[in-house]
N, C-alpha and C. Protein backbone atom coordinates (compact mmCIF):
# COMPACT_ATOMS: atom_id res chain seq x y z
N MET A 1 -10.13 -8.94 -12.20
CA MET A 1 -9.08 -8.22 -11.50
C MET A 1 -7.92 -7.86 -12.42
N LYS A 2 -7.58 -8.79 -13.37
CA LYS A 2 -6.43 -8.56 -14.23
C LYS A 2 -6.60 -7.32 -15.11
N ARG A 3 -7.86 -7.02 -15.47
CA ARG A 3 -8.05 -5.91 -16.38
C ARG A 3 -7.75 -4.57 -15.72
N TRP A 4 -7.66 -4.55 -14.39
CA TRP A 4 -7.32 -3.31 -13.70
C TRP A 4 -5.81 -3.11 -13.59
N LEU A 5 -5.02 -4.15 -13.83
CA LEU A 5 -3.58 -4.04 -13.65
C LEU A 5 -2.95 -2.97 -14.53
N PRO A 6 -3.31 -2.87 -15.83
CA PRO A 6 -2.73 -1.79 -16.64
C PRO A 6 -3.04 -0.41 -16.09
N LEU A 7 -4.25 -0.21 -15.55
CA LEU A 7 -4.59 1.09 -14.98
C LEU A 7 -3.76 1.37 -13.74
N TRP A 8 -3.57 0.34 -12.91
CA TRP A 8 -2.73 0.55 -11.73
C TRP A 8 -1.31 0.92 -12.14
N LEU A 9 -0.78 0.25 -13.17
CA LEU A 9 0.55 0.60 -13.64
C LEU A 9 0.58 2.03 -14.16
N ALA A 10 -0.47 2.42 -14.86
CA ALA A 10 -0.53 3.79 -15.37
C ALA A 10 -0.51 4.79 -14.22
N LEU A 11 -1.25 4.47 -13.16
CA LEU A 11 -1.26 5.36 -12.01
C LEU A 11 0.11 5.45 -11.37
N PHE A 12 0.77 4.32 -11.24
CA PHE A 12 2.05 4.32 -10.56
C PHE A 12 3.15 4.95 -11.40
N LEU A 13 2.95 5.07 -12.70
CA LEU A 13 3.95 5.75 -13.52
C LEU A 13 4.08 7.22 -13.14
N THR A 14 3.10 7.75 -12.42
CA THR A 14 3.16 9.15 -12.02
C THR A 14 3.43 9.30 -10.53
N LEU A 15 3.74 8.22 -9.85
CA LEU A 15 4.01 8.33 -8.42
C LEU A 15 5.21 9.25 -8.19
N SER A 16 5.06 10.13 -7.23
CA SER A 16 6.09 11.14 -7.02
C SER A 16 7.08 10.71 -5.96
N PRO A 17 8.38 10.99 -6.15
CA PRO A 17 9.37 10.68 -5.12
C PRO A 17 9.40 11.72 -4.03
N VAL A 18 8.60 12.77 -4.12
CA VAL A 18 8.63 13.84 -3.13
C VAL A 18 7.95 13.38 -1.85
N ALA A 19 8.54 13.69 -0.72
CA ALA A 19 7.95 13.33 0.57
C ALA A 19 6.99 14.44 0.98
N TYR A 20 5.74 14.35 0.53
CA TYR A 20 4.78 15.42 0.74
C TYR A 20 4.54 15.72 2.22
N ALA A 21 4.55 14.69 3.05
CA ALA A 21 4.20 14.90 4.45
C ALA A 21 5.40 14.82 5.37
N GLN A 22 6.58 15.00 4.85
CA GLN A 22 7.76 15.00 5.69
C GLN A 22 7.71 16.17 6.66
N GLU A 23 8.21 15.95 7.85
CA GLU A 23 8.33 17.05 8.79
C GLU A 23 9.49 17.95 8.37
N GLU A 24 9.52 19.15 8.89
CA GLU A 24 10.54 20.10 8.49
C GLU A 24 11.95 19.62 8.83
N ASP A 25 12.06 18.80 9.89
CA ASP A 25 13.39 18.32 10.27
C ASP A 25 13.80 17.09 9.49
N GLY A 26 13.01 16.72 8.48
CA GLY A 26 13.36 15.58 7.65
C GLY A 26 12.74 14.28 8.10
N GLY A 27 11.92 14.31 9.17
CA GLY A 27 11.28 13.10 9.65
C GLY A 27 10.33 12.53 8.60
N LEU A 28 10.05 11.26 8.70
CA LEU A 28 9.21 10.57 7.73
C LEU A 28 7.88 10.23 8.37
N TRP A 29 6.89 11.05 8.14
CA TRP A 29 5.60 10.87 8.80
C TRP A 29 4.92 9.58 8.37
N TYR A 30 4.85 9.34 7.06
CA TYR A 30 4.19 8.13 6.57
C TYR A 30 4.85 6.87 7.14
N GLU A 31 6.16 6.83 7.06
CA GLU A 31 6.89 5.64 7.51
C GLU A 31 6.72 5.41 9.01
N ASP A 32 6.78 6.48 9.79
CA ASP A 32 6.62 6.34 11.24
C ASP A 32 5.23 5.80 11.58
N GLN A 33 4.21 6.33 10.93
CA GLN A 33 2.85 5.86 11.17
C GLN A 33 2.69 4.41 10.75
N ALA A 34 3.29 4.06 9.63
CA ALA A 34 3.16 2.70 9.12
C ALA A 34 3.81 1.69 10.06
N ILE A 35 5.01 2.00 10.52
CA ILE A 35 5.73 1.07 11.41
C ILE A 35 4.95 0.85 12.71
N ALA A 36 4.43 1.93 13.28
CA ALA A 36 3.67 1.81 14.54
C ALA A 36 2.41 0.96 14.33
N LEU A 37 1.74 1.15 13.22
CA LEU A 37 0.50 0.41 12.95
C LEU A 37 0.79 -1.07 12.71
N VAL A 38 1.88 -1.37 12.04
CA VAL A 38 2.26 -2.76 11.79
C VAL A 38 2.67 -3.45 13.09
N GLN A 39 3.33 -2.75 13.98
CA GLN A 39 3.68 -3.33 15.27
C GLN A 39 2.43 -3.69 16.07
N GLU A 40 1.41 -2.85 15.96
CA GLU A 40 0.13 -3.15 16.61
C GLU A 40 -0.53 -4.37 15.97
N MET A 41 -0.48 -4.44 14.65
CA MET A 41 -1.05 -5.58 13.94
C MET A 41 -0.31 -6.87 14.30
N ASP A 42 0.99 -6.79 14.45
CA ASP A 42 1.80 -7.95 14.83
C ASP A 42 1.41 -8.46 16.22
N ALA A 43 1.17 -7.53 17.14
CA ALA A 43 0.77 -7.93 18.49
C ALA A 43 -0.57 -8.66 18.47
N LEU A 44 -1.51 -8.18 17.63
CA LEU A 44 -2.81 -8.84 17.52
C LEU A 44 -2.69 -10.21 16.88
N LEU A 45 -1.80 -10.32 15.89
CA LEU A 45 -1.58 -11.60 15.21
C LEU A 45 -1.16 -12.68 16.21
N LYS A 46 -0.35 -12.30 17.18
CA LYS A 46 0.21 -13.27 18.12
C LYS A 46 -0.59 -13.39 19.41
N ASP A 47 -1.75 -12.72 19.43
CA ASP A 47 -2.63 -12.79 20.59
C ASP A 47 -3.68 -13.87 20.33
N GLU A 48 -3.60 -14.97 21.05
CA GLU A 48 -4.50 -16.10 20.82
C GLU A 48 -5.96 -15.73 21.06
N ASP A 49 -6.22 -14.90 22.05
CA ASP A 49 -7.60 -14.49 22.33
C ASP A 49 -8.18 -13.72 21.15
N TYR A 50 -7.36 -12.85 20.55
CA TYR A 50 -7.83 -12.09 19.39
C TYR A 50 -8.12 -13.02 18.21
N THR A 51 -7.23 -14.00 18.01
CA THR A 51 -7.43 -14.96 16.92
C THR A 51 -8.74 -15.70 17.08
N HIS A 52 -9.03 -16.16 18.28
CA HIS A 52 -10.28 -16.89 18.52
C HIS A 52 -11.50 -15.98 18.34
N PHE A 53 -11.30 -14.69 18.58
CA PHE A 53 -12.40 -13.73 18.43
C PHE A 53 -12.73 -13.48 16.96
N VAL A 54 -11.69 -13.36 16.12
CA VAL A 54 -11.92 -12.96 14.73
C VAL A 54 -12.18 -14.12 13.78
N THR A 55 -11.75 -15.33 14.14
CA THR A 55 -11.95 -16.45 13.21
C THR A 55 -11.89 -17.79 13.93
N ALA A 56 -12.63 -18.73 13.37
CA ALA A 56 -12.54 -20.12 13.82
C ALA A 56 -12.15 -21.02 12.65
N ALA A 57 -11.87 -20.39 11.52
CA ALA A 57 -11.56 -21.13 10.30
C ALA A 57 -10.14 -21.69 10.36
N GLU A 58 -10.01 -23.00 10.23
CA GLU A 58 -8.70 -23.63 10.29
C GLU A 58 -7.82 -23.20 9.12
N THR A 59 -8.44 -22.93 7.98
CA THR A 59 -7.64 -22.51 6.81
C THR A 59 -6.93 -21.19 7.08
N ILE A 60 -7.61 -20.27 7.76
CA ILE A 60 -7.01 -18.98 8.09
C ILE A 60 -5.94 -19.14 9.16
N ILE A 61 -6.27 -19.91 10.20
CA ILE A 61 -5.32 -20.12 11.29
C ILE A 61 -4.05 -20.79 10.76
N SER A 62 -4.20 -21.75 9.88
CA SER A 62 -3.03 -22.43 9.30
C SER A 62 -2.23 -21.50 8.40
N ALA A 63 -2.93 -20.64 7.68
CA ALA A 63 -2.25 -19.73 6.75
C ALA A 63 -1.34 -18.75 7.46
N VAL A 64 -1.71 -18.35 8.69
CA VAL A 64 -0.91 -17.34 9.39
C VAL A 64 0.12 -17.95 10.35
N GLU A 65 0.12 -19.26 10.51
CA GLU A 65 1.08 -19.86 11.43
C GLU A 65 2.53 -19.52 11.05
N PRO A 66 2.94 -19.66 9.79
CA PRO A 66 4.32 -19.28 9.45
C PRO A 66 4.57 -17.78 9.64
N LEU A 67 3.55 -16.98 9.42
CA LEU A 67 3.66 -15.53 9.59
C LEU A 67 4.00 -15.17 11.03
N LYS A 68 3.48 -15.92 11.97
CA LYS A 68 3.71 -15.64 13.38
C LYS A 68 5.17 -15.78 13.78
N GLN A 69 5.96 -16.47 12.97
CA GLN A 69 7.37 -16.64 13.28
C GLN A 69 8.19 -15.42 12.90
N SER A 70 7.60 -14.51 12.16
CA SER A 70 8.30 -13.29 11.74
C SER A 70 8.26 -12.26 12.85
N ASP A 71 9.27 -11.39 12.85
CA ASP A 71 9.37 -10.35 13.87
C ASP A 71 9.09 -8.99 13.25
N PHE A 72 7.94 -8.44 13.58
CA PHE A 72 7.57 -7.12 13.09
C PHE A 72 7.66 -6.07 14.20
N SER A 73 8.22 -6.47 15.35
CA SER A 73 8.31 -5.55 16.47
C SER A 73 9.46 -4.57 16.33
N SER A 74 10.43 -4.90 15.49
CA SER A 74 11.57 -4.01 15.25
C SER A 74 11.38 -3.28 13.94
N PRO A 75 12.13 -2.20 13.71
CA PRO A 75 12.00 -1.49 12.43
C PRO A 75 12.32 -2.41 11.26
N PRO A 76 11.74 -2.16 10.10
CA PRO A 76 12.01 -2.99 8.92
C PRO A 76 13.41 -2.73 8.38
N GLN A 77 13.82 -3.56 7.45
CA GLN A 77 15.10 -3.31 6.78
C GLN A 77 15.02 -2.06 5.92
N SER A 78 13.88 -1.86 5.28
CA SER A 78 13.69 -0.68 4.44
C SER A 78 12.21 -0.41 4.26
N ALA A 79 11.90 0.79 3.82
CA ALA A 79 10.52 1.18 3.53
C ALA A 79 10.48 1.84 2.16
N LEU A 80 9.47 1.49 1.39
CA LEU A 80 9.25 2.10 0.08
C LEU A 80 7.94 2.87 0.14
N ARG A 81 8.00 4.14 -0.19
CA ARG A 81 6.78 4.95 -0.18
C ARG A 81 6.41 5.37 -1.60
N LEU A 82 5.12 5.21 -1.90
CA LEU A 82 4.60 5.60 -3.21
C LEU A 82 3.40 6.50 -2.97
N THR A 83 3.43 7.70 -3.49
CA THR A 83 2.29 8.59 -3.34
C THR A 83 1.42 8.51 -4.57
N ILE A 84 0.11 8.60 -4.36
CA ILE A 84 -0.86 8.39 -5.43
C ILE A 84 -1.26 9.72 -6.04
N PRO A 85 -1.27 9.86 -7.36
CA PRO A 85 -1.60 11.13 -8.00
C PRO A 85 -3.08 11.46 -7.88
N ASP A 86 -3.41 12.75 -8.06
CA ASP A 86 -4.81 13.14 -8.08
C ASP A 86 -5.38 12.88 -9.46
N SER A 87 -6.67 13.22 -9.63
CA SER A 87 -7.34 12.90 -10.88
C SER A 87 -6.74 13.64 -12.08
N GLU A 88 -6.30 14.89 -11.88
CA GLU A 88 -5.70 15.64 -12.98
C GLU A 88 -4.41 14.97 -13.44
N ALA A 89 -3.62 14.50 -12.48
CA ALA A 89 -2.38 13.81 -12.82
C ALA A 89 -2.67 12.51 -13.55
N LEU A 90 -3.74 11.84 -13.13
CA LEU A 90 -4.12 10.59 -13.78
C LEU A 90 -4.45 10.83 -15.25
N LEU A 91 -5.26 11.87 -15.53
CA LEU A 91 -5.60 12.20 -16.91
C LEU A 91 -4.36 12.56 -17.71
N ALA A 92 -3.45 13.30 -17.08
CA ALA A 92 -2.23 13.72 -17.77
C ALA A 92 -1.39 12.52 -18.18
N VAL A 93 -1.26 11.54 -17.28
CA VAL A 93 -0.41 10.40 -17.62
C VAL A 93 -1.07 9.53 -18.67
N LEU A 94 -2.40 9.40 -18.61
CA LEU A 94 -3.10 8.63 -19.64
C LEU A 94 -2.91 9.27 -21.01
N GLU A 95 -2.95 10.60 -21.07
CA GLU A 95 -2.73 11.30 -22.33
C GLU A 95 -1.30 11.11 -22.80
N SER A 96 -0.35 11.14 -21.87
CA SER A 96 1.05 10.98 -22.24
C SER A 96 1.34 9.60 -22.80
N MET A 97 0.48 8.63 -22.45
CA MET A 97 0.65 7.26 -22.94
C MET A 97 -0.15 7.03 -24.23
N GLY A 98 -0.73 8.12 -24.76
CA GLY A 98 -1.44 8.00 -26.02
C GLY A 98 -2.92 7.72 -25.90
N ALA A 99 -3.45 7.75 -24.67
CA ALA A 99 -4.87 7.48 -24.49
C ALA A 99 -5.70 8.71 -24.84
N GLU A 100 -6.86 8.48 -25.42
CA GLU A 100 -7.81 9.56 -25.71
C GLU A 100 -8.67 9.78 -24.47
N THR A 101 -8.48 10.92 -23.81
CA THR A 101 -9.21 11.17 -22.57
C THR A 101 -10.40 12.10 -22.74
N GLU A 102 -10.52 12.71 -23.92
CA GLU A 102 -11.62 13.65 -24.13
C GLU A 102 -12.97 12.96 -24.00
N ASP A 103 -13.05 11.73 -24.48
CA ASP A 103 -14.31 10.99 -24.43
C ASP A 103 -14.33 9.95 -23.31
N LEU A 104 -13.39 10.09 -22.36
CA LEU A 104 -13.32 9.15 -21.26
C LEU A 104 -14.59 9.23 -20.42
N ASP A 105 -15.29 8.12 -20.30
CA ASP A 105 -16.57 8.09 -19.59
C ASP A 105 -16.35 7.85 -18.11
N CYS A 106 -15.66 8.80 -17.49
CA CYS A 106 -15.38 8.68 -16.06
C CYS A 106 -15.36 10.10 -15.48
N SER A 107 -16.26 10.37 -14.57
CA SER A 107 -16.39 11.71 -14.02
C SER A 107 -15.23 12.05 -13.09
N GLU A 108 -15.12 13.33 -12.74
CA GLU A 108 -14.11 13.75 -11.77
C GLU A 108 -14.30 13.02 -10.45
N LEU A 109 -15.56 12.84 -10.08
CA LEU A 109 -15.86 12.11 -8.85
C LEU A 109 -15.38 10.67 -8.95
N CYS A 110 -15.56 10.07 -10.13
CA CYS A 110 -15.10 8.70 -10.35
C CYS A 110 -13.59 8.60 -10.23
N LEU A 111 -12.88 9.52 -10.88
CA LEU A 111 -11.42 9.50 -10.84
C LEU A 111 -10.89 9.72 -9.42
N LYS A 112 -11.53 10.63 -8.70
CA LYS A 112 -11.13 10.89 -7.32
C LYS A 112 -11.32 9.65 -6.46
N ALA A 113 -12.46 9.00 -6.65
CA ALA A 113 -12.75 7.79 -5.88
C ALA A 113 -11.76 6.68 -6.19
N MET A 114 -11.38 6.56 -7.47
CA MET A 114 -10.40 5.54 -7.87
C MET A 114 -9.06 5.80 -7.21
N SER A 115 -8.65 7.07 -7.18
CA SER A 115 -7.38 7.42 -6.56
C SER A 115 -7.39 7.13 -5.07
N GLN A 116 -8.54 7.38 -4.42
CA GLN A 116 -8.64 7.14 -2.98
C GLN A 116 -8.68 5.65 -2.65
N ARG A 117 -9.29 4.87 -3.53
CA ARG A 117 -9.42 3.44 -3.27
C ARG A 117 -8.18 2.64 -3.67
N LEU A 118 -7.35 3.24 -4.50
CA LEU A 118 -6.22 2.51 -5.06
C LEU A 118 -5.26 1.92 -4.03
N PRO A 119 -4.85 2.67 -2.96
CA PRO A 119 -3.89 2.08 -2.02
C PRO A 119 -4.33 0.73 -1.46
N ASN A 120 -5.55 0.67 -0.94
CA ASN A 120 -6.02 -0.59 -0.36
C ASN A 120 -6.35 -1.63 -1.43
N ALA A 121 -6.84 -1.17 -2.58
CA ALA A 121 -7.13 -2.10 -3.67
C ALA A 121 -5.86 -2.78 -4.16
N LEU A 122 -4.79 -2.01 -4.25
CA LEU A 122 -3.51 -2.57 -4.70
C LEU A 122 -3.01 -3.63 -3.73
N LEU A 123 -3.09 -3.35 -2.42
CA LEU A 123 -2.59 -4.30 -1.44
C LEU A 123 -3.47 -5.55 -1.39
N SER A 124 -4.76 -5.38 -1.56
CA SER A 124 -5.65 -6.55 -1.64
C SER A 124 -5.34 -7.37 -2.88
N TYR A 125 -5.03 -6.67 -3.98
CA TYR A 125 -4.66 -7.39 -5.21
C TYR A 125 -3.39 -8.22 -5.00
N LEU A 126 -2.39 -7.63 -4.37
CA LEU A 126 -1.14 -8.36 -4.13
C LEU A 126 -1.41 -9.63 -3.32
N ASN A 127 -2.26 -9.51 -2.30
CA ASN A 127 -2.56 -10.68 -1.48
C ASN A 127 -3.43 -11.69 -2.21
N SER A 128 -4.27 -11.23 -3.11
CA SER A 128 -5.12 -12.16 -3.85
C SER A 128 -4.31 -13.07 -4.76
N THR A 129 -3.13 -12.61 -5.19
CA THR A 129 -2.30 -13.44 -6.06
C THR A 129 -1.65 -14.60 -5.31
N GLU A 130 -1.74 -14.57 -3.97
CA GLU A 130 -1.16 -15.64 -3.17
C GLU A 130 -2.19 -16.69 -2.77
N GLY A 131 -3.40 -16.58 -3.29
CA GLY A 131 -4.41 -17.60 -3.02
C GLY A 131 -5.51 -17.12 -2.08
N ALA A 132 -6.63 -17.82 -2.10
CA ALA A 132 -7.81 -17.42 -1.34
C ALA A 132 -7.58 -17.48 0.17
N ALA A 133 -6.85 -18.49 0.63
CA ALA A 133 -6.63 -18.63 2.08
C ALA A 133 -5.79 -17.47 2.61
N TRP A 134 -4.75 -17.10 1.86
CA TRP A 134 -3.90 -15.99 2.30
C TRP A 134 -4.67 -14.67 2.26
N LEU A 135 -5.46 -14.45 1.23
CA LEU A 135 -6.25 -13.24 1.12
C LEU A 135 -7.23 -13.14 2.29
N ALA A 136 -7.89 -14.25 2.61
CA ALA A 136 -8.84 -14.24 3.73
C ALA A 136 -8.12 -13.97 5.05
N ALA A 137 -6.96 -14.59 5.23
CA ALA A 137 -6.21 -14.42 6.48
C ALA A 137 -5.76 -12.99 6.66
N THR A 138 -5.23 -12.40 5.61
CA THR A 138 -4.73 -11.03 5.72
C THR A 138 -5.87 -10.02 5.87
N SER A 139 -7.04 -10.36 5.36
CA SER A 139 -8.20 -9.49 5.53
C SER A 139 -8.66 -9.48 6.99
N VAL A 140 -8.54 -10.62 7.65
CA VAL A 140 -8.93 -10.73 9.05
C VAL A 140 -7.99 -9.93 9.96
N TYR A 141 -6.71 -9.92 9.61
CA TYR A 141 -5.73 -9.31 10.50
C TYR A 141 -5.35 -7.88 10.13
N THR A 142 -6.10 -7.24 9.25
CA THR A 142 -5.82 -5.84 8.96
C THR A 142 -6.08 -4.99 10.21
N THR A 143 -5.32 -3.90 10.31
CA THR A 143 -5.49 -2.94 11.40
C THR A 143 -5.55 -1.55 10.80
N SER A 144 -6.44 -0.72 11.30
CA SER A 144 -6.57 0.62 10.73
C SER A 144 -6.64 1.67 11.83
N GLU A 145 -6.35 2.90 11.43
CA GLU A 145 -6.37 4.01 12.36
C GLU A 145 -6.74 5.29 11.61
N THR A 146 -7.57 6.11 12.22
CA THR A 146 -7.96 7.38 11.63
C THR A 146 -7.07 8.49 12.18
N PHE A 147 -6.71 9.44 11.33
CA PHE A 147 -5.81 10.51 11.75
C PHE A 147 -6.24 11.83 11.12
N VAL A 148 -5.76 12.92 11.70
CA VAL A 148 -5.98 14.25 11.13
C VAL A 148 -4.96 14.43 10.01
N LEU A 149 -5.41 14.90 8.86
CA LEU A 149 -4.52 15.03 7.70
C LEU A 149 -3.40 16.01 7.98
N PRO A 150 -2.16 15.62 7.75
CA PRO A 150 -1.05 16.57 7.84
C PRO A 150 -1.05 17.47 6.61
N ASP A 151 -0.35 18.57 6.68
CA ASP A 151 -0.24 19.46 5.53
C ASP A 151 0.36 18.73 4.34
N GLY A 152 -0.24 18.93 3.17
CA GLY A 152 0.30 18.33 1.95
C GLY A 152 0.04 16.85 1.80
N PHE A 153 -0.93 16.32 2.54
CA PHE A 153 -1.20 14.87 2.49
C PHE A 153 -1.58 14.43 1.09
N GLN A 154 -1.08 13.26 0.70
CA GLN A 154 -1.48 12.59 -0.54
C GLN A 154 -1.77 11.13 -0.22
N ASN A 155 -2.75 10.54 -0.91
CA ASN A 155 -2.98 9.11 -0.77
C ASN A 155 -1.69 8.38 -1.10
N ALA A 156 -1.38 7.34 -0.34
CA ALA A 156 -0.07 6.71 -0.50
C ALA A 156 -0.09 5.25 -0.06
N VAL A 157 0.97 4.55 -0.46
CA VAL A 157 1.25 3.19 0.01
C VAL A 157 2.66 3.18 0.56
N VAL A 158 2.83 2.57 1.73
CA VAL A 158 4.17 2.35 2.29
C VAL A 158 4.36 0.86 2.43
N ILE A 159 5.39 0.34 1.78
CA ILE A 159 5.73 -1.08 1.85
C ILE A 159 6.92 -1.23 2.78
N LEU A 160 6.75 -2.01 3.82
CA LEU A 160 7.80 -2.23 4.82
C LEU A 160 8.42 -3.60 4.57
N ARG A 161 9.71 -3.59 4.24
CA ARG A 161 10.39 -4.84 3.90
C ARG A 161 11.19 -5.34 5.11
N TYR A 162 10.79 -6.51 5.58
CA TYR A 162 11.45 -7.16 6.72
C TYR A 162 12.24 -8.36 6.23
N GLU A 163 13.11 -8.85 7.07
CA GLU A 163 13.88 -10.04 6.73
C GLU A 163 12.95 -11.25 6.68
N GLY A 164 13.12 -12.09 5.68
CA GLY A 164 12.30 -13.29 5.59
C GLY A 164 11.25 -13.21 4.49
N ASP A 165 10.28 -14.10 4.58
CA ASP A 165 9.29 -14.26 3.52
C ASP A 165 8.09 -13.32 3.65
N TYR A 166 8.00 -12.62 4.76
CA TYR A 166 6.80 -11.81 4.99
C TYR A 166 7.15 -10.35 5.25
N TRP A 167 6.40 -9.49 4.60
CA TRP A 167 6.53 -8.04 4.75
C TRP A 167 5.21 -7.50 5.28
N ALA A 168 5.12 -6.19 5.32
CA ALA A 168 3.86 -5.53 5.68
C ALA A 168 3.72 -4.28 4.81
N ALA A 169 2.51 -3.79 4.70
CA ALA A 169 2.26 -2.60 3.89
C ALA A 169 1.08 -1.84 4.47
N VAL A 170 1.10 -0.53 4.27
CA VAL A 170 0.04 0.31 4.81
C VAL A 170 -0.47 1.24 3.71
N GLY A 171 -1.80 1.26 3.54
CA GLY A 171 -2.42 2.17 2.60
C GLY A 171 -2.95 3.40 3.33
N PHE A 172 -2.62 4.59 2.84
CA PHE A 172 -3.07 5.84 3.43
C PHE A 172 -4.07 6.50 2.48
N THR A 173 -5.27 6.78 2.95
CA THR A 173 -6.28 7.39 2.10
C THR A 173 -7.00 8.50 2.85
N GLN A 174 -7.37 9.54 2.12
CA GLN A 174 -8.19 10.60 2.70
C GLN A 174 -9.63 10.12 2.71
N THR A 175 -10.26 10.15 3.90
CA THR A 175 -11.62 9.64 4.04
C THR A 175 -12.61 10.70 4.50
N GLY A 176 -12.13 11.89 4.77
CA GLY A 176 -12.99 13.00 5.19
C GLY A 176 -12.36 14.31 4.79
N GLU A 177 -13.03 15.41 5.11
CA GLU A 177 -12.50 16.72 4.76
C GLU A 177 -11.14 16.97 5.40
N GLU A 178 -10.98 16.55 6.65
CA GLU A 178 -9.73 16.79 7.37
C GLU A 178 -9.17 15.52 8.00
N THR A 179 -9.69 14.39 7.62
CA THR A 179 -9.25 13.13 8.22
C THR A 179 -8.87 12.11 7.16
N GLY A 180 -8.04 11.18 7.55
CA GLY A 180 -7.63 10.08 6.68
C GLY A 180 -7.60 8.80 7.48
N THR A 181 -7.43 7.69 6.77
CA THR A 181 -7.36 6.38 7.41
C THR A 181 -6.15 5.63 6.89
N ALA A 182 -5.39 5.06 7.79
CA ALA A 182 -4.27 4.19 7.44
C ALA A 182 -4.68 2.76 7.74
N THR A 183 -4.50 1.87 6.77
CA THR A 183 -4.88 0.47 6.93
C THR A 183 -3.67 -0.41 6.65
N ALA A 184 -3.32 -1.25 7.62
CA ALA A 184 -2.13 -2.10 7.51
C ALA A 184 -2.51 -3.52 7.09
N TYR A 185 -1.64 -4.12 6.28
CA TYR A 185 -1.82 -5.49 5.80
C TYR A 185 -0.49 -6.22 5.90
N PHE A 186 -0.55 -7.51 6.13
CA PHE A 186 0.62 -8.35 5.90
C PHE A 186 0.65 -8.70 4.42
N ILE A 187 1.84 -8.72 3.83
CA ILE A 187 2.00 -9.18 2.46
C ILE A 187 3.19 -10.12 2.41
N GLN A 188 3.35 -10.82 1.31
CA GLN A 188 4.50 -11.71 1.17
C GLN A 188 5.62 -11.03 0.39
N SER A 189 6.83 -11.44 0.66
CA SER A 189 7.98 -10.80 0.01
C SER A 189 8.00 -11.05 -1.49
N SER A 190 7.18 -11.99 -1.96
CA SER A 190 7.07 -12.22 -3.40
C SER A 190 6.48 -11.01 -4.11
N ALA A 191 5.98 -10.05 -3.35
CA ALA A 191 5.50 -8.79 -3.94
C ALA A 191 6.62 -8.06 -4.66
N GLN A 192 7.86 -8.43 -4.36
CA GLN A 192 9.00 -7.82 -5.04
C GLN A 192 8.91 -8.01 -6.55
N ALA A 193 8.34 -9.13 -6.98
CA ALA A 193 8.19 -9.38 -8.42
C ALA A 193 7.32 -8.32 -9.06
N PHE A 194 6.27 -7.92 -8.36
CA PHE A 194 5.39 -6.86 -8.87
C PHE A 194 6.12 -5.52 -8.91
N LEU A 195 6.92 -5.26 -7.87
CA LEU A 195 7.69 -4.02 -7.84
C LEU A 195 8.71 -3.99 -8.98
N ASP A 196 9.31 -5.15 -9.26
CA ASP A 196 10.26 -5.23 -10.38
C ASP A 196 9.55 -4.96 -11.70
N LEU A 197 8.33 -5.47 -11.84
CA LEU A 197 7.55 -5.22 -13.04
C LEU A 197 7.29 -3.72 -13.21
N MET A 198 6.97 -3.07 -12.13
CA MET A 198 6.74 -1.63 -12.17
C MET A 198 8.02 -0.89 -12.57
N ASN A 199 9.15 -1.30 -12.01
CA ASN A 199 10.41 -0.66 -12.36
C ASN A 199 10.74 -0.84 -13.84
N SER A 200 10.45 -2.03 -14.35
CA SER A 200 10.71 -2.28 -15.77
C SER A 200 9.85 -1.37 -16.64
N ALA A 201 8.58 -1.20 -16.24
CA ALA A 201 7.69 -0.32 -16.98
C ALA A 201 8.18 1.11 -16.94
N LEU A 202 8.69 1.52 -15.79
CA LEU A 202 9.20 2.88 -15.64
C LEU A 202 10.44 3.09 -16.50
N ASP A 203 11.33 2.11 -16.49
CA ASP A 203 12.55 2.21 -17.30
C ASP A 203 12.20 2.28 -18.78
N ALA A 204 11.26 1.44 -19.21
CA ALA A 204 10.87 1.43 -20.62
C ALA A 204 10.26 2.75 -21.04
N ALA A 205 9.58 3.42 -20.09
CA ALA A 205 8.95 4.70 -20.40
C ALA A 205 9.92 5.86 -20.26
N GLY A 206 11.15 5.57 -19.80
CA GLY A 206 12.12 6.64 -19.61
C GLY A 206 11.75 7.56 -18.47
N THR A 207 11.04 7.03 -17.49
CA THR A 207 10.60 7.81 -16.34
C THR A 207 11.54 7.60 -15.17
N GLU A 208 11.73 8.65 -14.36
CA GLU A 208 12.58 8.52 -13.18
C GLU A 208 11.99 7.50 -12.20
N VAL A 209 12.86 6.86 -11.46
CA VAL A 209 12.40 5.92 -10.44
C VAL A 209 11.53 6.67 -9.45
N VAL A 210 10.38 6.11 -9.12
CA VAL A 210 9.41 6.85 -8.34
C VAL A 210 9.34 6.41 -6.88
N PHE A 211 10.00 5.34 -6.52
CA PHE A 211 9.98 4.89 -5.13
C PHE A 211 10.85 5.80 -4.28
N GLN A 212 10.36 6.18 -3.13
CA GLN A 212 11.23 6.83 -2.15
C GLN A 212 11.56 5.79 -1.11
N GLU A 213 12.83 5.42 -1.02
CA GLU A 213 13.25 4.35 -0.15
C GLU A 213 13.95 4.90 1.09
N THR A 214 13.59 4.36 2.24
CA THR A 214 14.26 4.66 3.49
C THR A 214 14.88 3.37 4.01
N VAL A 215 16.17 3.38 4.25
CA VAL A 215 16.87 2.20 4.75
C VAL A 215 17.13 2.38 6.24
N TYR A 216 16.80 1.35 7.03
CA TYR A 216 16.97 1.40 8.47
C TYR A 216 18.19 0.59 8.89
N ASP A 217 18.88 1.06 9.90
CA ASP A 217 20.07 0.35 10.38
C ASP A 217 19.66 -0.94 11.09
């Protein structure tokens, strides 16, 4: 898993601050979808019947007990949106970092697939750093929804920061010609360390900050 981290950082160095799917009135489509999906996931987390349906493992049940004390029913304190570049942008950033891409043994199909898988792979990676029990628990409680692609859609990650030790995040990926899937995960606030690492890499590269942040009252 560690060997993929440099590639993920390379991808995120090109994340755009532009709100590709914003509504004309300035609304935040990604953020609105993410918040609604996380509220649904929170309701399932606290539903004992659902818990008994999805798992009987005490390690998973114990891992999510502290999570149940968090309140995801209200808007988060803030949201960070990161849009994922396409394959051409990926090649461009690799070249800008001095990589030789002419002999890169990865087809256009491969690069496209990597870009599409990155949102959920990144969130799974963040949870894997918190141990096997947490990774298993968050895998059980993921919630997803299929939607019709809005104009200008890009694969993306939205990180919702709530008060306390637990946050949530949603990966948006195109899964069909005109459809996409949003998948929500619980994550820990320790993910901030990874975000700080990304910011440091961006600063060192002299690149503009790429997170688009929305602060909620």
